[in-house]
Amino acid sequence: MDSIAADAALKFDPRSTAEIATAMERLVSDEALRHRLAEAGPRRAADFSWHATARGVLDALTSAV
């Protein structure tokens, strides 16, 4: 999901073996790509927290009432 992964993941059609293979080949052969994803992953993960999730759920429930 683009809204979750943003720039911290390679995107491909999970139903396409050709796209999966291409993504895997890129990860194996492209050191700069591996480095970029390794740095982007923790930065993207920091955008999510239990507190923010709980706040979002509470806000949704409050607005539904």
N, C-alpha and C. Protein backbone atom coordinates (compact mmCIF):
# COMPACT_ATOMS: atom_id res chain seq x y z
N MET A 1 0.84 -1.17 0.00
CA MET A 1 0.00 0.00 0.00
C MET A 1 0.88 1.24 0.00
N ASP A 2 0.66 2.03 -0.99
CA ASP A 2 1.47 3.24 -1.15
C ASP A 2 1.34 4.17 0.05
N SER A 3 0.15 4.24 0.64
CA SER A 3 -0.04 5.15 1.77
C SER A 3 0.75 4.72 3.00
N ILE A 4 1.09 3.46 3.08
CA ILE A 4 1.89 2.96 4.20
C ILE A 4 3.37 2.97 3.85
N ALA A 5 3.71 2.38 2.72
CA ALA A 5 5.12 2.21 2.35
C ALA A 5 5.81 3.50 1.96
N ALA A 6 5.09 4.38 1.28
CA ALA A 6 5.67 5.63 0.77
C ALA A 6 6.95 5.32 -0.01
N ASP A 7 8.07 5.94 0.35
CA ASP A 7 9.31 5.72 -0.40
C ASP A 7 10.21 4.68 0.27
N ALA A 8 9.66 3.93 1.23
CA ALA A 8 10.47 2.99 1.99
C ALA A 8 10.34 1.55 1.50
N ALA A 9 9.81 1.36 0.31
CA ALA A 9 9.65 0.00 -0.21
C ALA A 9 9.62 0.02 -1.73
N LEU A 10 9.97 -1.12 -2.30
CA LEU A 10 9.77 -1.28 -3.73
C LEU A 10 8.33 -1.70 -3.95
N LYS A 11 7.72 -1.12 -4.93
CA LYS A 11 6.33 -1.47 -5.22
C LYS A 11 6.27 -2.31 -6.48
N PHE A 12 5.42 -3.34 -6.44
CA PHE A 12 5.24 -4.21 -7.59
C PHE A 12 3.88 -4.88 -7.47
N ASP A 13 3.42 -5.41 -8.57
CA ASP A 13 2.14 -6.12 -8.58
C ASP A 13 2.37 -7.49 -7.95
N PRO A 14 1.76 -7.77 -6.82
CA PRO A 14 2.01 -9.05 -6.14
C PRO A 14 1.45 -10.25 -6.91
N ARG A 15 0.68 -10.00 -7.93
CA ARG A 15 0.15 -11.10 -8.75
C ARG A 15 1.05 -11.40 -9.94
N SER A 16 2.08 -10.59 -10.12
CA SER A 16 2.96 -10.74 -11.28
C SER A 16 4.31 -11.32 -10.86
N THR A 17 4.54 -12.57 -11.26
CA THR A 17 5.83 -13.18 -10.91
C THR A 17 6.98 -12.43 -11.59
N ALA A 18 6.74 -11.89 -12.76
CA ALA A 18 7.79 -11.13 -13.45
C ALA A 18 8.16 -9.88 -12.67
N GLU A 19 7.17 -9.15 -12.15
CA GLU A 19 7.46 -7.94 -11.36
C GLU A 19 8.14 -8.30 -10.04
N ILE A 20 7.73 -9.38 -9.42
CA ILE A 20 8.37 -9.82 -8.18
C ILE A 20 9.83 -10.15 -8.45
N ALA A 21 10.08 -10.90 -9.51
CA ALA A 21 11.46 -11.27 -9.86
C ALA A 21 12.30 -10.04 -10.17
N THR A 22 11.73 -9.08 -10.88
CA THR A 22 12.47 -7.85 -11.20
C THR A 22 12.82 -7.08 -9.93
N ALA A 23 11.87 -6.98 -9.01
CA ALA A 23 12.14 -6.28 -7.75
C ALA A 23 13.23 -6.99 -6.97
N MET A 24 13.19 -8.31 -6.92
CA MET A 24 14.22 -9.06 -6.21
C MET A 24 15.59 -8.88 -6.85
N GLU A 25 15.63 -8.90 -8.18
CA GLU A 25 16.90 -8.69 -8.88
C GLU A 25 17.45 -7.30 -8.59
N ARG A 26 16.58 -6.30 -8.55
CA ARG A 26 17.03 -4.93 -8.23
C ARG A 26 17.63 -4.88 -6.85
N LEU A 27 16.98 -5.53 -5.88
CA LEU A 27 17.50 -5.52 -4.51
C LEU A 27 18.86 -6.21 -4.40
N VAL A 28 19.04 -7.26 -5.16
CA VAL A 28 20.31 -7.99 -5.11
C VAL A 28 21.42 -7.21 -5.81
N SER A 29 21.08 -6.55 -6.92
CA SER A 29 22.13 -5.95 -7.74
C SER A 29 22.38 -4.46 -7.49
N ASP A 30 21.48 -3.78 -6.82
CA ASP A 30 21.59 -2.32 -6.68
C ASP A 30 21.88 -1.95 -5.21
N GLU A 31 23.15 -1.78 -4.91
CA GLU A 31 23.55 -1.46 -3.54
C GLU A 31 22.99 -0.12 -3.07
N ALA A 32 22.94 0.85 -3.96
CA ALA A 32 22.41 2.16 -3.59
C ALA A 32 20.93 2.06 -3.23
N LEU A 33 20.19 1.25 -3.96
CA LEU A 33 18.78 1.05 -3.65
C LEU A 33 18.61 0.39 -2.28
N ARG A 34 19.40 -0.65 -2.01
CA ARG A 34 19.34 -1.30 -0.69
C ARG A 34 19.65 -0.31 0.42
N HIS A 35 20.63 0.51 0.21
CA HIS A 35 21.02 1.50 1.22
C HIS A 35 19.89 2.51 1.44
N ARG A 36 19.30 3.00 0.34
CA ARG A 36 18.20 3.97 0.44
C ARG A 36 17.02 3.38 1.19
N LEU A 37 16.65 2.13 0.86
CA LEU A 37 15.52 1.50 1.53
C LEU A 37 15.82 1.21 3.00
N ALA A 38 17.07 0.83 3.29
CA ALA A 38 17.46 0.56 4.68
C ALA A 38 17.37 1.82 5.53
N GLU A 39 17.65 2.99 4.94
CA GLU A 39 17.53 4.24 5.68
C GLU A 39 16.08 4.72 5.74
N ALA A 40 15.34 4.52 4.66
CA ALA A 40 13.96 5.02 4.59
C ALA A 40 13.01 4.23 5.48
N GLY A 41 13.25 2.94 5.65
CA GLY A 41 12.35 2.10 6.45
C GLY A 41 12.16 2.60 7.87
N PRO A 42 13.22 2.76 8.63
CA PRO A 42 13.05 3.26 10.00
C PRO A 42 12.46 4.67 10.07
N ARG A 43 12.81 5.52 9.10
CA ARG A 43 12.22 6.87 9.08
C ARG A 43 10.71 6.78 8.87
N ARG A 44 10.29 5.92 7.96
CA ARG A 44 8.86 5.78 7.69
C ARG A 44 8.16 5.15 8.90
N ALA A 45 8.76 4.16 9.51
CA ALA A 45 8.16 3.51 10.68
C ALA A 45 7.96 4.51 11.82
N ALA A 46 8.84 5.49 11.92
CA ALA A 46 8.73 6.49 12.98
C ALA A 46 7.48 7.36 12.81
N ASP A 47 6.90 7.36 11.61
CA ASP A 47 5.68 8.13 11.37
C ASP A 47 4.45 7.49 12.01
N PHE A 48 4.59 6.27 12.47
CA PHE A 48 3.47 5.52 13.04
C PHE A 48 3.73 5.24 14.51
N SER A 49 2.70 5.36 15.33
CA SER A 49 2.84 5.05 16.75
C SER A 49 1.50 4.56 17.28
N TRP A 50 1.55 3.87 18.41
CA TRP A 50 0.30 3.42 19.04
C TRP A 50 -0.53 4.62 19.48
N HIS A 51 0.13 5.66 19.95
CA HIS A 51 -0.59 6.84 20.41
C HIS A 51 -1.37 7.48 19.25
N ALA A 52 -0.70 7.64 18.10
CA ALA A 52 -1.36 8.25 16.95
C ALA A 52 -2.51 7.36 16.45
N THR A 53 -2.31 6.05 16.49
CA THR A 53 -3.36 5.13 16.07
C THR A 53 -4.56 5.22 17.01
N ALA A 54 -4.31 5.21 18.31
CA ALA A 54 -5.39 5.32 19.29
C ALA A 54 -6.14 6.64 19.14
N ARG A 55 -5.40 7.72 18.90
CA ARG A 55 -6.03 9.02 18.70
C ARG A 55 -6.92 9.00 17.47
N GLY A 56 -6.45 8.41 16.39
CA GLY A 56 -7.23 8.33 15.17
C GLY A 56 -8.51 7.51 15.36
N VAL A 57 -8.40 6.39 16.07
CA VAL A 57 -9.58 5.56 16.34
C VAL A 57 -10.55 6.32 17.21
N LEU A 58 -10.07 6.97 18.25
CA LEU A 58 -10.94 7.74 19.14
C LEU A 58 -11.65 8.85 18.37
N ASP A 59 -10.92 9.56 17.53
CA ASP A 59 -11.53 10.63 16.75
C ASP A 59 -12.59 10.07 15.81
N ALA A 60 -12.34 8.93 15.19
CA ALA A 60 -13.32 8.33 14.28
C ALA A 60 -14.56 7.91 15.04
N LEU A 61 -14.38 7.29 16.20
CA LEU A 61 -15.53 6.86 17.01
C LEU A 61 -16.32 8.06 17.51
N THR A 62 -15.63 9.10 17.93
CA THR A 62 -16.30 10.30 18.44
C THR A 62 -17.13 10.96 17.33
N SER A 63 -16.58 11.03 16.13
CA SER A 63 -17.31 11.67 15.04
C SER A 63 -18.47 10.79 14.55
N ALA A 64 -18.42 9.51 14.79
CA ALA A 64 -19.50 8.61 14.37
C ALA A 64 -20.69 8.69 15.30
N VAL A 65 -20.47 9.15 16.52
CA VAL A 65 -21.55 9.21 17.52
C VAL A 65 -22.37 10.41 17.36
